[in-house]
Amino acid sequence: MGTSSGVIVAFLLLVCLNVNGGAAVKDDAKSLAPAGSRSGNAAFDIRVHKTGNLYFSISNYGILGNQGDPSLLDPETGLPAPSCEFPAGSGLEYLYQGAIWIGAIVNGDTLVSTG
């Protein structure tokens, strides 16, 4: 077997091993999904700020509030995550959804990205 044939076989073997290894990692990722996740999606996570007299949810996507979705759970308590509850524990919500906006003018073009 020539050098180029050996490199091709090694490359194909490496690709096959990575495909199988990736499948095993995917299965493990499902079981490690955070409690605040939607549908076991480990890529989406939510945390609840509970300091003082305000309970407030924020996600790793930059979304503020719970978007009116009762399936989003506080990972610490397992209860539905509050959107923006004031006073704390009252059940009064003051936010549906907010997001972090970042924008700039580049070469006369206005560019904006939202959470």
N, C-alpha and C. Protein backbone atom coordinates (compact mmCIF):
# COMPACT_ATOMS: atom_id res chain seq x y z
N MET A 1 0.86 -1.17 0.00
CA MET A 1 0.00 0.00 0.00
C MET A 1 0.90 1.23 0.00
N GLY A 2 0.62 2.19 -0.90
CA GLY A 2 1.43 3.40 -1.01
C GLY A 2 1.11 4.38 0.10
N THR A 3 1.91 5.42 0.18
CA THR A 3 1.74 6.44 1.21
C THR A 3 0.39 7.14 1.09
N SER A 4 -0.02 7.46 -0.14
CA SER A 4 -1.30 8.16 -0.32
C SER A 4 -2.47 7.24 0.06
N SER A 5 -2.37 5.95 -0.24
CA SER A 5 -3.43 5.02 0.14
C SER A 5 -3.51 4.89 1.65
N GLY A 6 -2.37 4.87 2.32
CA GLY A 6 -2.35 4.78 3.79
C GLY A 6 -2.96 6.01 4.43
N VAL A 7 -2.71 7.18 3.86
CA VAL A 7 -3.28 8.42 4.38
C VAL A 7 -4.79 8.42 4.19
N ILE A 8 -5.28 7.96 3.06
CA ILE A 8 -6.71 7.91 2.79
C ILE A 8 -7.41 6.94 3.76
N VAL A 9 -6.81 5.77 3.96
CA VAL A 9 -7.39 4.79 4.88
C VAL A 9 -7.41 5.35 6.30
N ALA A 10 -6.32 6.00 6.72
CA ALA A 10 -6.27 6.60 8.06
C ALA A 10 -7.33 7.69 8.21
N PHE A 11 -7.50 8.49 7.16
CA PHE A 11 -8.51 9.55 7.20
C PHE A 11 -9.92 8.97 7.32
N LEU A 12 -10.23 7.95 6.53
CA LEU A 12 -11.55 7.32 6.59
C LEU A 12 -11.80 6.68 7.95
N LEU A 13 -10.78 6.04 8.51
CA LEU A 13 -10.91 5.44 9.83
C LEU A 13 -11.18 6.52 10.87
N LEU A 14 -10.48 7.62 10.78
CA LEU A 14 -10.67 8.73 11.72
C LEU A 14 -12.08 9.30 11.60
N VAL A 15 -12.58 9.47 10.38
CA VAL A 15 -13.94 9.97 10.17
C VAL A 15 -14.96 9.01 10.77
N CYS A 16 -14.81 7.71 10.56
CA CYS A 16 -15.74 6.73 11.11
C CYS A 16 -15.74 6.75 12.63
N LEU A 17 -14.58 6.87 13.23
CA LEU A 17 -14.50 6.91 14.69
C LEU A 17 -15.14 8.17 15.24
N ASN A 18 -14.96 9.29 14.56
CA ASN A 18 -15.57 10.53 15.03
C ASN A 18 -17.09 10.50 14.91
N VAL A 19 -17.61 9.90 13.85
CA VAL A 19 -19.06 9.80 13.70
C VAL A 19 -19.65 8.97 14.83
N ASN A 20 -19.08 7.83 15.12
CA ASN A 20 -19.59 6.97 16.19
C ASN A 20 -19.41 7.63 17.55
N GLY A 21 -18.26 8.27 17.77
CA GLY A 21 -18.01 8.94 19.04
C GLY A 21 -18.99 10.08 19.26
N GLY A 22 -19.31 10.80 18.19
CA GLY A 22 -20.26 11.90 18.29
C GLY A 22 -21.65 11.42 18.70
N ALA A 23 -22.06 10.25 18.19
CA ALA A 23 -23.37 9.71 18.54
C ALA A 23 -23.43 9.39 20.03
N ALA A 24 -22.35 8.85 20.57
CA ALA A 24 -22.33 8.52 21.99
C ALA A 24 -22.39 9.79 22.83
N VAL A 25 -21.71 10.84 22.40
CA VAL A 25 -21.72 12.09 23.15
C VAL A 25 -23.11 12.72 23.10
N LYS A 26 -23.78 12.64 21.96
CA LYS A 26 -25.13 13.19 21.85
C LYS A 26 -26.07 12.54 22.84
N ASP A 27 -26.03 11.22 22.96
CA ASP A 27 -26.91 10.52 23.88
C ASP A 27 -26.63 10.96 25.31
N ASP A 28 -25.35 11.12 25.66
CA ASP A 28 -25.00 11.56 27.01
C ASP A 28 -25.49 12.99 27.25
N ALA A 29 -25.43 13.85 26.23
CA ALA A 29 -25.85 15.24 26.39
C ALA A 29 -27.33 15.33 26.73
N LYS A 30 -28.16 14.45 26.19
CA LYS A 30 -29.59 14.47 26.48
C LYS A 30 -29.83 14.21 27.96
N SER A 31 -29.09 13.29 28.53
CA SER A 31 -29.31 12.96 29.93
C SER A 31 -28.75 14.03 30.86
N LEU A 32 -27.88 14.91 30.35
CA LEU A 32 -27.29 15.95 31.17
C LEU A 32 -27.96 17.30 30.97
N ALA A 33 -29.10 17.34 30.30
CA ALA A 33 -29.79 18.60 30.02
C ALA A 33 -30.18 19.28 31.33
N PRO A 34 -29.96 20.59 31.43
CA PRO A 34 -30.32 21.31 32.65
C PRO A 34 -31.82 21.32 32.91
N ALA A 35 -32.20 21.48 34.16
CA ALA A 35 -33.61 21.44 34.54
C ALA A 35 -34.41 22.56 33.90
N GLY A 36 -33.78 23.71 33.61
CA GLY A 36 -34.50 24.83 33.01
C GLY A 36 -34.61 24.72 31.51
N SER A 37 -34.18 23.61 30.95
CA SER A 37 -34.16 23.46 29.50
C SER A 37 -35.54 23.18 28.94
N ARG A 38 -35.71 23.52 27.68
CA ARG A 38 -36.93 23.18 26.96
C ARG A 38 -36.71 21.86 26.26
N SER A 39 -37.57 20.93 26.46
CA SER A 39 -37.53 19.64 25.76
C SER A 39 -36.19 18.94 25.89
N GLY A 40 -35.51 19.11 27.00
CA GLY A 40 -34.23 18.45 27.19
C GLY A 40 -33.12 19.02 26.33
N ASN A 41 -33.29 20.23 25.81
CA ASN A 41 -32.28 20.85 24.96
C ASN A 41 -31.21 21.46 25.84
N ALA A 42 -30.03 20.86 25.86
CA ALA A 42 -28.95 21.34 26.71
C ALA A 42 -28.40 22.68 26.23
N ALA A 43 -28.72 23.11 25.01
CA ALA A 43 -28.22 24.37 24.49
C ALA A 43 -28.98 25.56 25.07
N PHE A 44 -30.21 25.38 25.53
CA PHE A 44 -31.01 26.46 26.11
C PHE A 44 -31.05 26.28 27.62
N ASP A 45 -30.67 27.32 28.35
CA ASP A 45 -30.66 27.23 29.80
C ASP A 45 -31.21 28.53 30.38
N ILE A 46 -31.87 28.45 31.52
CA ILE A 46 -32.45 29.62 32.16
C ILE A 46 -32.06 29.63 33.63
N ARG A 47 -31.87 30.82 34.16
CA ARG A 47 -31.59 30.99 35.59
C ARG A 47 -32.51 32.08 36.13
N VAL A 48 -32.79 32.02 37.43
CA VAL A 48 -33.70 32.98 38.05
C VAL A 48 -32.94 33.77 39.11
N HIS A 49 -32.99 35.10 38.96
CA HIS A 49 -32.41 36.02 39.93
C HIS A 49 -33.41 36.15 41.08
N LYS A 50 -33.00 35.83 42.29
CA LYS A 50 -33.91 35.87 43.44
C LYS A 50 -33.25 36.60 44.61
N THR A 51 -32.81 37.82 44.37
CA THR A 51 -32.20 38.61 45.43
C THR A 51 -33.05 39.84 45.67
N GLY A 52 -33.31 40.16 46.91
CA GLY A 52 -34.13 41.32 47.21
C GLY A 52 -35.60 41.04 46.97
N ASN A 53 -36.30 42.02 46.44
CA ASN A 53 -37.75 41.93 46.29
C ASN A 53 -38.17 41.72 44.84
N LEU A 54 -37.26 41.19 44.01
CA LEU A 54 -37.53 41.00 42.59
C LEU A 54 -37.05 39.62 42.16
N TYR A 55 -37.95 38.85 41.53
CA TYR A 55 -37.58 37.57 40.92
C TYR A 55 -37.56 37.79 39.41
N PHE A 56 -36.48 37.39 38.75
CA PHE A 56 -36.27 37.76 37.35
C PHE A 56 -35.55 36.64 36.63
N SER A 57 -36.07 36.22 35.45
CA SER A 57 -35.46 35.13 34.67
C SER A 57 -34.62 35.68 33.53
N ILE A 58 -33.51 34.99 33.25
CA ILE A 58 -32.67 35.33 32.10
C ILE A 58 -32.10 34.03 31.53
N SER A 59 -32.03 33.95 30.21
CA SER A 59 -31.52 32.74 29.56
C SER A 59 -30.12 32.98 29.02
N ASN A 60 -29.47 31.90 28.64
CA ASN A 60 -28.14 32.00 28.04
C ASN A 60 -28.22 32.53 26.61
N TYR A 61 -29.41 32.72 26.06
CA TYR A 61 -29.59 33.34 24.74
C TYR A 61 -29.75 34.85 24.86
N GLY A 62 -29.71 35.39 26.08
CA GLY A 62 -29.89 36.82 26.29
C GLY A 62 -31.34 37.23 26.35
N ILE A 63 -32.25 36.27 26.55
CA ILE A 63 -33.68 36.58 26.65
C ILE A 63 -34.02 36.85 28.11
N LEU A 64 -34.64 37.99 28.34
CA LEU A 64 -35.05 38.37 29.69
C LEU A 64 -36.53 38.03 29.85
N GLY A 65 -36.90 37.40 30.95
CA GLY A 65 -38.28 36.99 31.16
C GLY A 65 -38.52 35.56 30.68
N ASN A 66 -39.73 35.06 30.93
CA ASN A 66 -40.04 33.67 30.58
C ASN A 66 -40.90 33.54 29.34
N GLN A 67 -41.21 34.64 28.66
CA GLN A 67 -41.99 34.64 27.42
C GLN A 67 -43.37 34.03 27.61
N GLY A 68 -43.90 34.06 28.82
CA GLY A 68 -45.22 33.50 29.09
C GLY A 68 -45.27 31.99 28.98
N ASP A 69 -44.12 31.33 29.09
CA ASP A 69 -44.04 29.88 28.92
C ASP A 69 -43.94 29.19 30.28
N PRO A 70 -45.04 28.58 30.76
CA PRO A 70 -45.00 27.93 32.07
C PRO A 70 -44.15 26.66 32.11
N SER A 71 -43.70 26.18 30.93
CA SER A 71 -42.87 24.97 30.94
C SER A 71 -41.41 25.30 31.27
N LEU A 72 -41.05 26.59 31.29
CA LEU A 72 -39.70 26.96 31.72
C LEU A 72 -39.64 26.90 33.23
N LEU A 73 -38.76 26.07 33.75
CA LEU A 73 -38.71 25.83 35.19
C LEU A 73 -37.46 26.44 35.81
N ASP A 74 -37.62 26.90 37.05
CA ASP A 74 -36.48 27.36 37.84
C ASP A 74 -35.67 26.11 38.18
N PRO A 75 -34.39 26.06 37.77
CA PRO A 75 -33.60 24.84 38.01
C PRO A 75 -33.39 24.52 39.49
N GLU A 76 -33.49 25.53 40.36
CA GLU A 76 -33.27 25.29 41.78
C GLU A 76 -34.52 24.74 42.48
N THR A 77 -35.69 25.25 42.10
CA THR A 77 -36.92 24.86 42.81
C THR A 77 -37.78 23.87 42.03
N GLY A 78 -37.64 23.84 40.69
CA GLY A 78 -38.48 23.00 39.87
C GLY A 78 -39.85 23.60 39.59
N LEU A 79 -40.10 24.80 40.11
CA LEU A 79 -41.35 25.52 39.87
C LEU A 79 -41.23 26.35 38.60
N PRO A 80 -42.37 26.78 38.02
CA PRO A 80 -42.28 27.63 36.83
C PRO A 80 -41.46 28.89 37.13
N ALA A 81 -40.58 29.24 36.20
CA ALA A 81 -39.71 30.40 36.38
C ALA A 81 -40.50 31.69 36.23
N PRO A 82 -40.35 32.63 37.18
CA PRO A 82 -41.05 33.91 37.05
C PRO A 82 -40.41 34.75 35.94
N SER A 83 -41.21 35.59 35.32
CA SER A 83 -40.70 36.45 34.26
C SER A 83 -39.99 37.65 34.89
N CYS A 84 -40.74 38.49 35.55
CA CYS A 84 -40.22 39.60 36.33
C CYS A 84 -41.27 39.88 37.40
N GLU A 85 -41.12 39.21 38.52
CA GLU A 85 -42.13 39.22 39.58
C GLU A 85 -41.75 40.24 40.65
N PHE A 86 -42.68 41.18 40.92
CA PHE A 86 -42.46 42.18 41.97
C PHE A 86 -43.79 42.48 42.63
N PRO A 87 -43.86 42.53 43.95
CA PRO A 87 -42.84 42.09 44.90
C PRO A 87 -42.66 40.57 44.85
N ALA A 88 -41.50 40.15 45.25
CA ALA A 88 -41.14 38.73 45.19
C ALA A 88 -42.17 37.87 45.92
N GLY A 89 -42.60 36.79 45.25
CA GLY A 89 -43.56 35.86 45.84
C GLY A 89 -45.01 36.28 45.67
N SER A 90 -45.27 37.43 45.05
CA SER A 90 -46.65 37.92 44.92
C SER A 90 -47.40 37.31 43.74
N GLY A 91 -46.66 36.80 42.75
CA GLY A 91 -47.30 36.28 41.55
C GLY A 91 -47.62 37.36 40.52
N LEU A 92 -47.29 38.63 40.79
CA LEU A 92 -47.53 39.73 39.86
C LEU A 92 -46.36 39.84 38.89
N GLU A 93 -46.64 39.66 37.61
CA GLU A 93 -45.60 39.68 36.57
C GLU A 93 -45.64 41.01 35.82
N TYR A 94 -44.46 41.56 35.54
CA TYR A 94 -44.37 42.85 34.86
C TYR A 94 -43.60 42.78 33.55
N LEU A 95 -43.31 41.60 33.05
CA LEU A 95 -42.54 41.48 31.81
C LEU A 95 -42.95 40.21 31.09
N TYR A 96 -43.16 40.32 29.78
CA TYR A 96 -43.38 39.14 28.95
C TYR A 96 -42.03 38.66 28.43
N GLN A 97 -41.34 39.52 27.70
CA GLN A 97 -40.03 39.16 27.16
C GLN A 97 -39.25 40.42 26.87
N GLY A 98 -37.98 40.37 27.12
CA GLY A 98 -37.06 41.43 26.76
C GLY A 98 -35.81 40.78 26.19
N ALA A 99 -34.92 41.59 25.65
CA ALA A 99 -33.68 41.04 25.09
C ALA A 99 -32.60 42.11 25.11
N ILE A 100 -31.38 41.66 25.07
CA ILE A 100 -30.24 42.55 24.97
C ILE A 100 -30.06 42.88 23.49
N TRP A 101 -29.99 44.16 23.18
CA TRP A 101 -29.80 44.61 21.80
C TRP A 101 -28.41 45.23 21.68
N ILE A 102 -27.69 44.83 20.67
CA ILE A 102 -26.37 45.40 20.40
C ILE A 102 -26.39 45.89 18.96
N GLY A 103 -26.01 47.14 18.75
CA GLY A 103 -26.07 47.68 17.40
C GLY A 103 -24.91 48.61 17.11
N ALA A 104 -24.70 48.84 15.83
CA ALA A 104 -23.64 49.74 15.39
C ALA A 104 -23.94 50.19 13.97
N ILE A 105 -23.33 51.31 13.59
CA ILE A 105 -23.39 51.77 12.21
C ILE A 105 -22.03 51.50 11.60
N VAL A 106 -22.01 50.65 10.58
CA VAL A 106 -20.77 50.23 9.93
C VAL A 106 -20.86 50.63 8.45
N ASN A 107 -19.96 51.52 8.04
CA ASN A 107 -19.94 52.00 6.65
C ASN A 107 -21.32 52.50 6.20
N GLY A 108 -22.02 53.21 7.09
CA GLY A 108 -23.32 53.77 6.77
C GLY A 108 -24.47 52.78 6.88
N ASP A 109 -24.20 51.52 7.21
CA ASP A 109 -25.24 50.49 7.34
C ASP A 109 -25.52 50.25 8.82
N THR A 110 -26.79 50.26 9.23
CA THR A 110 -27.17 50.03 10.61
C THR A 110 -27.33 48.53 10.84
N LEU A 111 -26.55 47.99 11.77
CA LEU A 111 -26.58 46.56 12.08
C LEU A 111 -27.00 46.38 13.53
N VAL A 112 -27.99 45.50 13.78
CA VAL A 112 -28.48 45.26 15.13
C VAL A 112 -28.63 43.76 15.34
N SER A 113 -28.23 43.32 16.52
CA SER A 113 -28.40 41.91 16.90
C SER A 113 -29.18 41.88 18.22
N THR A 114 -30.13 40.96 18.31
CA THR A 114 -30.93 40.84 19.53
C THR A 114 -30.78 39.45 20.13
N GLY A 115 -31.08 39.35 21.43
CA GLY A 115 -31.02 38.07 22.12
C GLY A 115 -32.17 37.20 21.78
